[in-house]
């Protein structure tokens, strides 16, 4: 997904993000209360920056290790 312009993100925040974010946070915490739905709740918490400002989520892949040529 391409990064959106500052104008689009600002309009999203003013028109949608400020009222949708508390709803997403409350639903996420309600899901986290249950053990079975906790993984969905964690994913919803991770989506909060996207819902608020259309900020692209950071990669949660495996971090790269800073190993030198002689490190094992």
PDB file of N, CA and C in Angstrom:
ATOM      1  N   UNK A   1       0.850  -1.164   0.000  1.00  0.00           N
ATOM      2  CA  UNK A   1       0.000   0.000   0.000  1.00  0.00           C
ATOM      3  C   UNK A   1       0.902   1.235   0.000  1.00  0.00           C
ATOM      4  N   UNK A   2       0.596   2.182  -0.844  1.00  0.00           N
ATOM      5  CA  UNK A   2       1.410   3.392  -0.950  1.00  0.00           C
ATOM      6  C   UNK A   2       1.092   4.361   0.187  1.00  0.00           C
ATOM      7  N   UNK A   3       2.104   5.105   0.587  1.00  0.00           N
ATOM      8  CA  UNK A   3       1.920   6.106   1.636  1.00  0.00           C
ATOM      9  C   UNK A   3       1.033   7.235   1.113  1.00  0.00           C
ATOM     10  N   UNK A   4       0.095   7.658   1.902  1.00  0.00           N
ATOM     11  CA  UNK A   4      -0.821   8.716   1.486  1.00  0.00           C
ATOM     12  C   UNK A   4      -0.231  10.087   1.813  1.00  0.00           C
ATOM     13  N   UNK A   5      -0.694  11.091   1.101  1.00  0.00           N
ATOM     14  CA  UNK A   5      -0.159  12.437   1.301  1.00  0.00           C
ATOM     15  C   UNK A   5      -0.603  12.996   2.656  1.00  0.00           C
ATOM     16  N   UNK A   6       0.095  14.019   3.081  1.00  0.00           N
ATOM     17  CA  UNK A   6      -0.213  14.646   4.366  1.00  0.00           C
ATOM     18  C   UNK A   6      -1.615  15.243   4.353  1.00  0.00           C
ATOM     19  N   UNK A   7      -2.038  15.802   3.238  1.00  0.00           N
ATOM     20  CA  UNK A   7      -3.375  16.393   3.143  1.00  0.00           C
ATOM     21  C   UNK A   7      -4.456  15.333   3.331  1.00  0.00           C
ATOM     22  N   UNK A   8      -4.300  14.198   2.670  1.00  0.00           N
ATOM     23  CA  UNK A   8      -5.289  13.117   2.800  1.00  0.00           C
ATOM     24  C   UNK A   8      -5.325  12.592   4.231  1.00  0.00           C
ATOM     25  N   UNK A   9      -4.143  12.420   4.827  1.00  0.00           N
ATOM     26  CA  UNK A   9      -4.091  11.931   6.204  1.00  0.00           C
ATOM     27  C   UNK A   9      -4.680  12.936   7.180  1.00  0.00           C
ATOM     28  N   UNK A  10      -4.462  14.229   6.945  1.00  0.00           N
ATOM     29  CA  UNK A  10      -5.027  15.257   7.825  1.00  0.00           C
ATOM     30  C   UNK A  10      -6.549  15.293   7.701  1.00  0.00           C
ATOM     31  N   UNK A  11      -7.058  15.198   6.475  1.00  0.00           N
ATOM     32  CA  UNK A  11      -8.514  15.172   6.287  1.00  0.00           C
ATOM     33  C   UNK A  11      -9.122  13.930   6.930  1.00  0.00           C
ATOM     34  N   UNK A  12      -8.455  12.788   6.775  1.00  0.00           N
ATOM     35  CA  UNK A  12      -8.942  11.551   7.411  1.00  0.00           C
ATOM     36  C   UNK A  12      -9.015  11.730   8.922  1.00  0.00           C
ATOM     37  N   UNK A  13      -7.956  12.299   9.508  1.00  0.00           N
ATOM     38  CA  UNK A  13      -7.930  12.506  10.957  1.00  0.00           C
ATOM     39  C   UNK A  13      -9.080  13.407  11.397  1.00  0.00           C
ATOM     40  N   UNK A  14      -9.293  14.502  10.687  1.00  0.00           N
ATOM     41  CA  UNK A  14     -10.326  15.457  11.091  1.00  0.00           C
ATOM     42  C   UNK A  14     -11.740  14.928  10.879  1.00  0.00           C
ATOM     43  N   UNK A  15     -11.956  14.155   9.813  1.00  0.00           N
ATOM     44  CA  UNK A  15     -13.304  13.721   9.484  1.00  0.00           C
ATOM     45  C   UNK A  15     -13.668  12.345  10.040  1.00  0.00           C
ATOM     46  N   UNK A  16     -12.687  11.456  10.170  1.00  0.00           N
ATOM     47  CA  UNK A  16     -12.999  10.081  10.556  1.00  0.00           C
ATOM     48  C   UNK A  16     -12.166   9.597  11.744  1.00  0.00           C
ATOM     49  N   UNK A  17     -10.875   9.833  11.702  1.00  0.00           N
ATOM     50  CA  UNK A  17      -9.961   9.213  12.658  1.00  0.00           C
ATOM     51  C   UNK A  17     -10.225   9.530  14.105  1.00  0.00           C
ATOM     52  N   UNK A  18     -10.604  10.763  14.413  1.00  0.00           N
ATOM     53  CA  UNK A  18     -10.752  11.166  15.820  1.00  0.00           C
ATOM     54  C   UNK A  18     -11.927  10.484  16.500  1.00  0.00           C
ATOM     55  N   UNK A  19     -12.963  10.098  15.769  1.00  0.00           N
ATOM     56  CA  UNK A  19     -14.082   9.424  16.413  1.00  0.00           C
ATOM     57  C   UNK A  19     -14.040   7.911  16.232  1.00  0.00           C
ATOM     58  N   UNK A  20     -13.366   7.414  15.190  1.00  0.00           N
ATOM     59  CA  UNK A  20     -13.303   5.972  14.964  1.00  0.00           C
ATOM     60  C   UNK A  20     -12.268   5.298  15.867  1.00  0.00           C
ATOM     61  N   UNK A  21     -11.202   6.018  16.202  1.00  0.00           N
ATOM     62  CA  UNK A  21     -10.136   5.432  17.016  1.00  0.00           C
ATOM     63  C   UNK A  21     -10.622   4.975  18.392  1.00  0.00           C
ATOM     64  N   UNK A  22     -11.364   5.771  19.157  1.00  0.00           N
ATOM     65  CA  UNK A  22     -11.839   5.259  20.458  1.00  0.00           C
ATOM     66  C   UNK A  22     -12.734   4.026  20.335  1.00  0.00           C
ATOM     67  N   UNK A  23     -13.495   3.943  19.259  1.00  0.00           N
ATOM     68  CA  UNK A  23     -14.338   2.759  19.048  1.00  0.00           C
ATOM     69  C   UNK A  23     -13.468   1.531  18.834  1.00  0.00           C
ATOM     70  N   UNK A  24     -12.446   1.663  17.984  1.00  0.00           N
ATOM     71  CA  UNK A  24     -11.546   0.539  17.713  1.00  0.00           C
ATOM     72  C   UNK A  24     -10.800   0.133  18.981  1.00  0.00           C
ATOM     73  N   UNK A  25     -10.341   1.105  19.759  1.00  0.00           N
ATOM     74  CA  UNK A  25      -9.611   0.794  20.991  1.00  0.00           C
ATOM     75  C   UNK A  25     -10.519   0.067  21.984  1.00  0.00           C
ATOM     76  N   UNK A  26     -11.732   0.521  22.149  1.00  0.00           N
ATOM     77  CA  UNK A  26     -12.647  -0.129  23.092  1.00  0.00           C
ATOM     78  C   UNK A  26     -13.019  -1.539  22.644  1.00  0.00           C
ATOM     79  N   UNK A  27     -13.245  -1.719  21.362  1.00  0.00           N
ATOM     80  CA  UNK A  27     -13.537  -3.070  20.860  1.00  0.00           C
ATOM     81  C   UNK A  27     -12.321  -3.969  21.040  1.00  0.00           C
ATOM     82  N   UNK A  28     -11.131  -3.430  20.774  1.00  0.00           N
ATOM     83  CA  UNK A  28      -9.908  -4.225  20.923  1.00  0.00           C
ATOM     84  C   UNK A  28      -9.726  -4.668  22.369  1.00  0.00           C
ATOM     85  N   UNK A  29      -9.932  -3.766  23.311  1.00  0.00           N
ATOM     86  CA  UNK A  29      -9.778  -4.146  24.716  1.00  0.00           C
ATOM     87  C   UNK A  29     -10.853  -5.128  25.154  1.00  0.00           C
ATOM     88  N   UNK A  30     -12.054  -4.999  24.624  1.00  0.00           N
ATOM     89  CA  UNK A  30     -13.099  -5.977  24.939  1.00  0.00           C
ATOM     90  C   UNK A  30     -12.717  -7.355  24.402  1.00  0.00           C
ATOM     91  N   UNK A  31     -12.111  -7.391  23.217  1.00  0.00           N
ATOM     92  CA  UNK A  31     -11.660  -8.673  22.673  1.00  0.00           C
ATOM     93  C   UNK A  31     -10.499  -9.241  23.494  1.00  0.00           C
ATOM     94  N   UNK A  32      -9.643  -8.373  24.007  1.00  0.00           N
ATOM     95  CA  UNK A  32      -8.507  -8.833  24.803  1.00  0.00           C
ATOM     96  C   UNK A  32      -8.927  -9.418  26.147  1.00  0.00           C
ATOM     97  N   UNK A  33     -10.112  -9.088  26.620  1.00  0.00           N
ATOM     98  CA  UNK A  33     -10.595  -9.636  27.884  1.00  0.00           C
ATOM     99  C   UNK A  33     -10.832 -11.134  27.748  1.00  0.00           C
ATOM    100  N   UNK A  34     -11.298 -11.550  26.582  1.00  0.00           N
ATOM    101  CA  UNK A  34     -11.523 -12.974  26.361  1.00  0.00           C
ATOM    102  C   UNK A  34     -10.220 -13.619  25.914  1.00  0.00           C
ATOM    103  N   UNK A  35      -9.989 -14.811  26.358  1.00  0.00           N
ATOM    104  CA  UNK A  35      -8.749 -15.508  26.005  1.00  0.00           C
ATOM    105  C   UNK A  35      -8.782 -15.946  24.545  1.00  0.00           C
ATOM    106  N   UNK A  36      -9.910 -16.384  24.090  1.00  0.00           N
ATOM    107  CA  UNK A  36     -10.014 -16.923  22.735  1.00  0.00           C
ATOM    108  C   UNK A  36      -9.848 -15.818  21.686  1.00  0.00           C
ATOM    109  N   UNK A  37     -10.388 -14.641  21.922  1.00  0.00           N
ATOM    110  CA  UNK A  37     -10.346 -13.568  20.937  1.00  0.00           C
ATOM    111  C   UNK A  37      -9.198 -12.587  21.155  1.00  0.00           C
ATOM    112  N   UNK A  38      -8.301 -12.879  22.081  1.00  0.00           N
ATOM    113  CA  UNK A  38      -7.180 -11.987  22.365  1.00  0.00           C
ATOM    114  C   UNK A  38      -6.276 -11.747  21.153  1.00  0.00           C
ATOM    115  N   UNK A  39      -5.973 -12.746  20.310  1.00  0.00           N
ATOM    116  CA  UNK A  39      -5.143 -12.446  19.137  1.00  0.00           C
ATOM    117  C   UNK A  39      -5.771 -11.421  18.187  1.00  0.00           C
ATOM    118  N   UNK A  40      -7.078 -11.466  18.055  1.00  0.00           N
ATOM    119  CA  UNK A  40      -7.759 -10.473  17.214  1.00  0.00           C
ATOM    120  C   UNK A  40      -7.690  -9.108  17.887  1.00  0.00           C
ATOM    121  N   UNK A  41      -7.820  -9.068  19.198  1.00  0.00           N
ATOM    122  CA  UNK A  41      -7.708  -7.816  19.927  1.00  0.00           C
ATOM    123  C   UNK A  41      -6.339  -7.187  19.801  1.00  0.00           C
ATOM    124  N   UNK A  42      -5.287  -8.004  19.832  1.00  0.00           N
ATOM    125  CA  UNK A  42      -3.928  -7.488  19.674  1.00  0.00           C
ATOM    126  C   UNK A  42      -3.744  -6.911  18.275  1.00  0.00           C
ATOM    127  N   UNK A  43      -4.272  -7.596  17.269  1.00  0.00           N
ATOM    128  CA  UNK A  43      -4.191  -7.063  15.901  1.00  0.00           C
ATOM    129  C   UNK A  43      -4.948  -5.743  15.790  1.00  0.00           C
ATOM    130  N   UNK A  44      -6.075  -5.633  16.468  1.00  0.00           N
ATOM    131  CA  UNK A  44      -6.837  -4.384  16.439  1.00  0.00           C
ATOM    132  C   UNK A  44      -6.072  -3.253  17.129  1.00  0.00           C
ATOM    133  N   UNK A  45      -5.399  -3.552  18.225  1.00  0.00           N
ATOM    134  CA  UNK A  45      -4.576  -2.537  18.890  1.00  0.00           C
ATOM    135  C   UNK A  45      -3.457  -2.086  17.965  1.00  0.00           C
ATOM    136  N   UNK A  46      -2.868  -3.013  17.222  1.00  0.00           N
ATOM    137  CA  UNK A  46      -1.808  -2.661  16.286  1.00  0.00           C
ATOM    138  C   UNK A  46      -2.317  -1.831  15.115  1.00  0.00           C
ATOM    139  N   UNK A  47      -3.614  -1.851  14.843  1.00  0.00           N
ATOM    140  CA  UNK A  47      -4.190  -1.068  13.748  1.00  0.00           C
ATOM    141  C   UNK A  47      -4.560   0.359  14.152  1.00  0.00           C
ATOM    142  N   UNK A  48      -4.408   0.703  15.420  1.00  0.00           N
ATOM    143  CA  UNK A  48      -4.817   2.030  15.894  1.00  0.00           C
ATOM    144  C   UNK A  48      -4.129   3.173  15.128  1.00  0.00           C
ATOM    145  N   UNK A  49      -2.812   3.139  14.884  1.00  0.00           N
ATOM    146  CA  UNK A  49      -2.215   4.245  14.108  1.00  0.00           C
ATOM    147  C   UNK A  49      -2.793   4.366  12.698  1.00  0.00           C
ATOM    148  N   UNK A  50      -3.130   3.240  12.083  1.00  0.00           N
ATOM    149  CA  UNK A  50      -3.723   3.271  10.751  1.00  0.00           C
ATOM    150  C   UNK A  50      -5.114   3.871  10.802  1.00  0.00           C
ATOM    151  N   UNK A  51      -5.893   3.505  11.794  1.00  0.00           N
ATOM    152  CA  UNK A  51      -7.255   4.037  11.915  1.00  0.00           C
ATOM    153  C   UNK A  51      -7.219   5.534  12.223  1.00  0.00           C
ATOM    154  N   UNK A  52      -6.278   5.962  13.045  1.00  0.00           N
ATOM    155  CA  UNK A  52      -6.221   7.360  13.455  1.00  0.00           C
ATOM    156  C   UNK A  52      -5.749   8.275  12.329  1.00  0.00           C
ATOM    157  N   UNK A  53      -4.647   7.911  11.680  1.00  0.00           N
ATOM    158  CA  UNK A  53      -4.046   8.842  10.711  1.00  0.00           C
ATOM    159  C   UNK A  53      -3.682   8.205   9.382  1.00  0.00           C
ATOM    160  N   UNK A  54      -4.132   6.986   9.114  1.00  0.00           N
ATOM    161  CA  UNK A  54      -3.765   6.251   7.908  1.00  0.00           C
ATOM    162  C   UNK A  54      -2.257   6.022   7.818  1.00  0.00           C
ATOM    163  N   UNK A  55      -1.582   5.990   8.964  1.00  0.00           N
ATOM    164  CA  UNK A  55      -0.154   5.714   9.003  1.00  0.00           C
ATOM    165  C   UNK A  55       0.066   4.245   8.655  1.00  0.00           C
ATOM    166  N   UNK A  56       1.016   3.990   7.777  1.00  0.00           N
ATOM    167  CA  UNK A  56       1.317   2.616   7.396  1.00  0.00           C
ATOM    168  C   UNK A  56       1.871   1.853   8.600  1.00  0.00           C
ATOM    169  N   UNK A  57       1.418   0.626   8.820  1.00  0.00           N
ATOM    170  CA  UNK A  57       1.966  -0.145   9.938  1.00  0.00           C
ATOM    171  C   UNK A  57       3.416  -0.515   9.673  1.00  0.00           C
ATOM    172  N   UNK A  58       4.197  -0.547  10.750  1.00  0.00           N
ATOM    173  CA  UNK A  58       5.588  -0.960  10.623  1.00  0.00           C
ATOM    174  C   UNK A  58       5.654  -2.467  10.428  1.00  0.00           C
ATOM    175  N   UNK A  59       6.712  -2.906   9.836  1.00  0.00           N
ATOM    176  CA  UNK A  59       6.909  -4.327   9.622  1.00  0.00           C
ATOM    177  C   UNK A  59       7.241  -4.988  10.960  1.00  0.00           C
ATOM    178  N   UNK A  60       6.564  -6.064  11.240  1.00  0.00           N
ATOM    179  CA  UNK A  60       6.821  -6.805  12.467  1.00  0.00           C
ATOM    180  C   UNK A  60       7.546  -8.104  12.156  1.00  0.00           C
ATOM    181  N   UNK A  61       8.292  -8.098  11.069  1.00  0.00           N
ATOM    182  CA  UNK A  61       9.053  -9.280  10.680  1.00  0.00           C
ATOM    183  C   UNK A  61      10.234  -9.505  11.591  1.00  0.00           C
ATOM    184  N   UNK A  62      11.028 -10.455  11.241  1.00  0.00           N
ATOM    185  CA  UNK A  62      12.198 -10.805  12.043  1.00  0.00           C
ATOM    186  C   UNK A  62      13.224  -9.687  11.973  1.00  0.00           C
ATOM    187  N   UNK A  63      13.693  -9.188  13.106  1.00  0.00           N
ATOM    188  CA  UNK A  63      14.693  -8.129  13.075  1.00  0.00           C
ATOM    189  C   UNK A  63      16.025  -8.659  12.565  1.00  0.00           C
ATOM    190  N   UNK A  64      16.737  -7.804  11.888  1.00  0.00           N
ATOM    191  CA  UNK A  64      18.049  -8.208  11.390  1.00  0.00           C
ATOM    192  C   UNK A  64      19.063  -8.105  12.515  1.00  0.00           C
ATOM    193  N   UNK A  65      19.943  -9.045  12.542  1.00  0.00           N
ATOM    194  CA  UNK A  65      20.972  -9.081  13.574  1.00  0.00           C
ATOM    195  C   UNK A  65      22.203  -8.337  13.077  1.00  0.00           C
ATOM    196  N   UNK A  66      22.818  -7.586  13.952  1.00  0.00           N
ATOM    197  CA  UNK A  66      24.019  -6.854  13.600  1.00  0.00           C
ATOM    198  C   UNK A  66      25.225  -7.734  13.907  1.00  0.00           C
ATOM    199  N   UNK A  67      25.549  -8.614  12.994  1.00  0.00           N
ATOM    200  CA  UNK A  67      26.663  -9.527  13.189  1.00  0.00           C
ATOM    201  C   UNK A  67      27.801  -9.116  12.281  1.00  0.00           C
ATOM    202  N   UNK A  68      28.974  -9.141  12.840  1.00  0.00           N
ATOM    203  CA  UNK A  68      30.162  -8.865  12.067  1.00  0.00           C
ATOM    204  C   UNK A  68      30.652 -10.132  11.375  1.00  0.00           C
ATOM    205  N   UNK A  69      31.717 -10.017  10.597  1.00  0.00           N
ATOM    206  CA  UNK A  69      32.215 -11.194   9.870  1.00  0.00           C
ATOM    207  C   UNK A  69      32.751 -12.291  10.789  1.00  0.00           C
ATOM    208  N   UNK A  70      33.205 -11.942  11.987  1.00  0.00           N
ATOM    209  CA  UNK A  70      33.768 -12.934  12.879  1.00  0.00           C
ATOM    210  C   UNK A  70      32.790 -13.451  13.919  1.00  0.00           C
ATOM    211  N   UNK A  71      31.576 -12.905  13.964  1.00  0.00           N
ATOM    212  CA  UNK A  71      30.582 -13.324  14.959  1.00  0.00           C
ATOM    213  C   UNK A  71      29.913 -14.621  14.534  1.00  0.00           C
ATOM    214  N   UNK A  72      29.579 -15.431  15.528  1.00  0.00           N
ATOM    215  CA  UNK A  72      28.884 -16.683  15.240  1.00  0.00           C
ATOM    216  C   UNK A  72      27.443 -16.579  15.595  1.00  0.00           C
TER     217      UNK A  72
END
